[in-house]
């Protein structure tokens, strides 16, 4: 049973990568992360997401993320009633 759980965990995490934000916060997300990717809190979402800014002003969705201290809305902006519109490609 324990061996099966370890194999399952290794399989799931094989496509994940640990990261450190500029604010020295640890997280884990998709293994295609690059320097310059951004962590976003998207209205209505239960987890933060990694978005990659593109030169044309749009964003590429990389995937969901676990970010320590950010999972339960701890850092949701005070002015949350003022959403920012973005375009995902």
Protein backbone atom coordinates (compact mmCIF):
# COMPACT_ATOMS: atom_id res chain seq x y z
CA UNK A 1 0.00 0.00 0.00
CA UNK A 2 2.76 2.48 0.95
CA UNK A 3 4.78 1.53 -2.11
CA UNK A 4 1.77 2.14 -4.37
CA UNK A 5 1.22 5.55 -2.74
CA UNK A 6 4.87 6.49 -3.28
CA UNK A 7 4.77 5.44 -6.93
CA UNK A 8 1.57 7.44 -7.44
CA UNK A 9 3.10 10.50 -5.78
CA UNK A 10 6.24 10.23 -7.90
CA UNK A 11 4.15 9.92 -11.07
CA UNK A 12 2.04 12.99 -10.25
CA UNK A 13 5.06 15.10 -9.26
CA UNK A 14 7.13 14.12 -12.30
CA UNK A 15 5.41 16.90 -14.24
CA UNK A 16 5.81 19.45 -11.41
CA UNK A 17 8.55 21.88 -10.46
CA UNK A 18 9.32 23.71 -7.24
CA UNK A 19 9.82 27.45 -7.58
CA UNK A 20 10.72 30.48 -5.49
CA UNK A 21 9.04 33.84 -6.07
CA UNK A 22 10.76 37.24 -5.91
CA UNK A 23 9.15 37.58 -2.47
CA UNK A 24 10.95 34.36 -1.38
CA UNK A 25 7.74 32.32 -1.28
CA UNK A 26 7.90 28.65 -2.25
CA UNK A 27 5.48 27.04 -4.64
CA UNK A 28 4.96 24.12 -6.98
CA UNK A 29 3.50 24.13 -10.47
CA UNK A 30 3.96 22.71 -13.96
CA UNK A 31 7.48 21.71 -15.00
CA UNK A 32 7.51 24.17 -17.93
CA UNK A 33 7.87 27.20 -15.64
CA UNK A 34 10.26 29.91 -16.81
CA UNK A 35 11.79 32.94 -15.18
CA UNK A 36 9.35 35.81 -15.76
CA UNK A 37 6.18 33.74 -15.39
CA UNK A 38 3.65 35.37 -13.09
CA UNK A 39 1.39 34.08 -10.31
CA UNK A 40 -2.19 35.33 -10.66
CA UNK A 41 -5.26 35.11 -8.46
CA UNK A 42 -8.13 34.67 -10.90
CA UNK A 43 -11.60 35.65 -9.72
CA UNK A 44 -13.66 32.56 -8.93
CA UNK A 45 -10.69 30.18 -9.00
CA UNK A 46 -9.81 28.09 -5.96
CA UNK A 47 -6.07 28.08 -6.63
CA UNK A 48 -3.52 30.56 -7.99
CA UNK A 49 -2.46 30.17 -11.62
CA UNK A 50 0.82 30.65 -13.46
CA UNK A 51 0.49 32.92 -16.49
CA UNK A 52 3.25 33.72 -18.98
CA UNK A 53 3.18 37.27 -20.37
CA UNK A 54 3.49 37.46 -24.14
CA UNK A 55 4.96 40.29 -26.19
CA UNK A 56 1.55 41.19 -27.63
CA UNK A 57 0.14 41.95 -24.15
CA UNK A 58 -1.76 38.66 -23.80
CA UNK A 59 -0.98 35.81 -21.42
CA UNK A 60 -0.40 32.10 -21.87
CA UNK A 61 -1.96 29.85 -19.22
CA UNK A 62 0.73 27.55 -17.85
CA UNK A 63 -1.32 25.88 -15.13
CA UNK A 64 -2.48 25.96 -11.56
CA UNK A 65 -0.04 26.37 -8.72
CA UNK A 66 0.36 25.78 -5.03
CA UNK A 67 1.92 28.85 -3.44
CA UNK A 68 2.65 28.86 0.28
CA UNK A 69 0.62 31.58 1.99
CA UNK A 70 -1.54 32.29 -1.06
CA UNK A 71 -3.93 29.36 -1.17
CA UNK A 72 -6.75 30.76 0.93
CA UNK A 73 -6.94 34.33 -0.35
CA UNK A 74 -4.39 35.64 2.16
CA UNK A 75 -2.92 38.03 -0.40
CA UNK A 76 -6.09 38.92 -2.30
CA UNK A 77 -5.85 42.66 -3.06
CA UNK A 78 -7.77 45.11 -0.86
CA UNK A 79 -9.39 46.56 -4.00
CA UNK A 80 -10.73 43.20 -5.17
CA UNK A 81 -13.81 44.92 -6.61
CA UNK A 82 -11.62 46.36 -9.38
CA UNK A 83 -10.81 43.39 -11.63
CA UNK A 84 -8.13 43.50 -14.30
CA UNK A 85 -9.17 42.22 -17.71
CA UNK A 86 -6.57 40.07 -19.45
CA UNK A 87 -6.56 37.94 -22.59
CA UNK A 88 -5.41 34.32 -22.42
CA UNK A 89 -4.04 32.74 -25.57
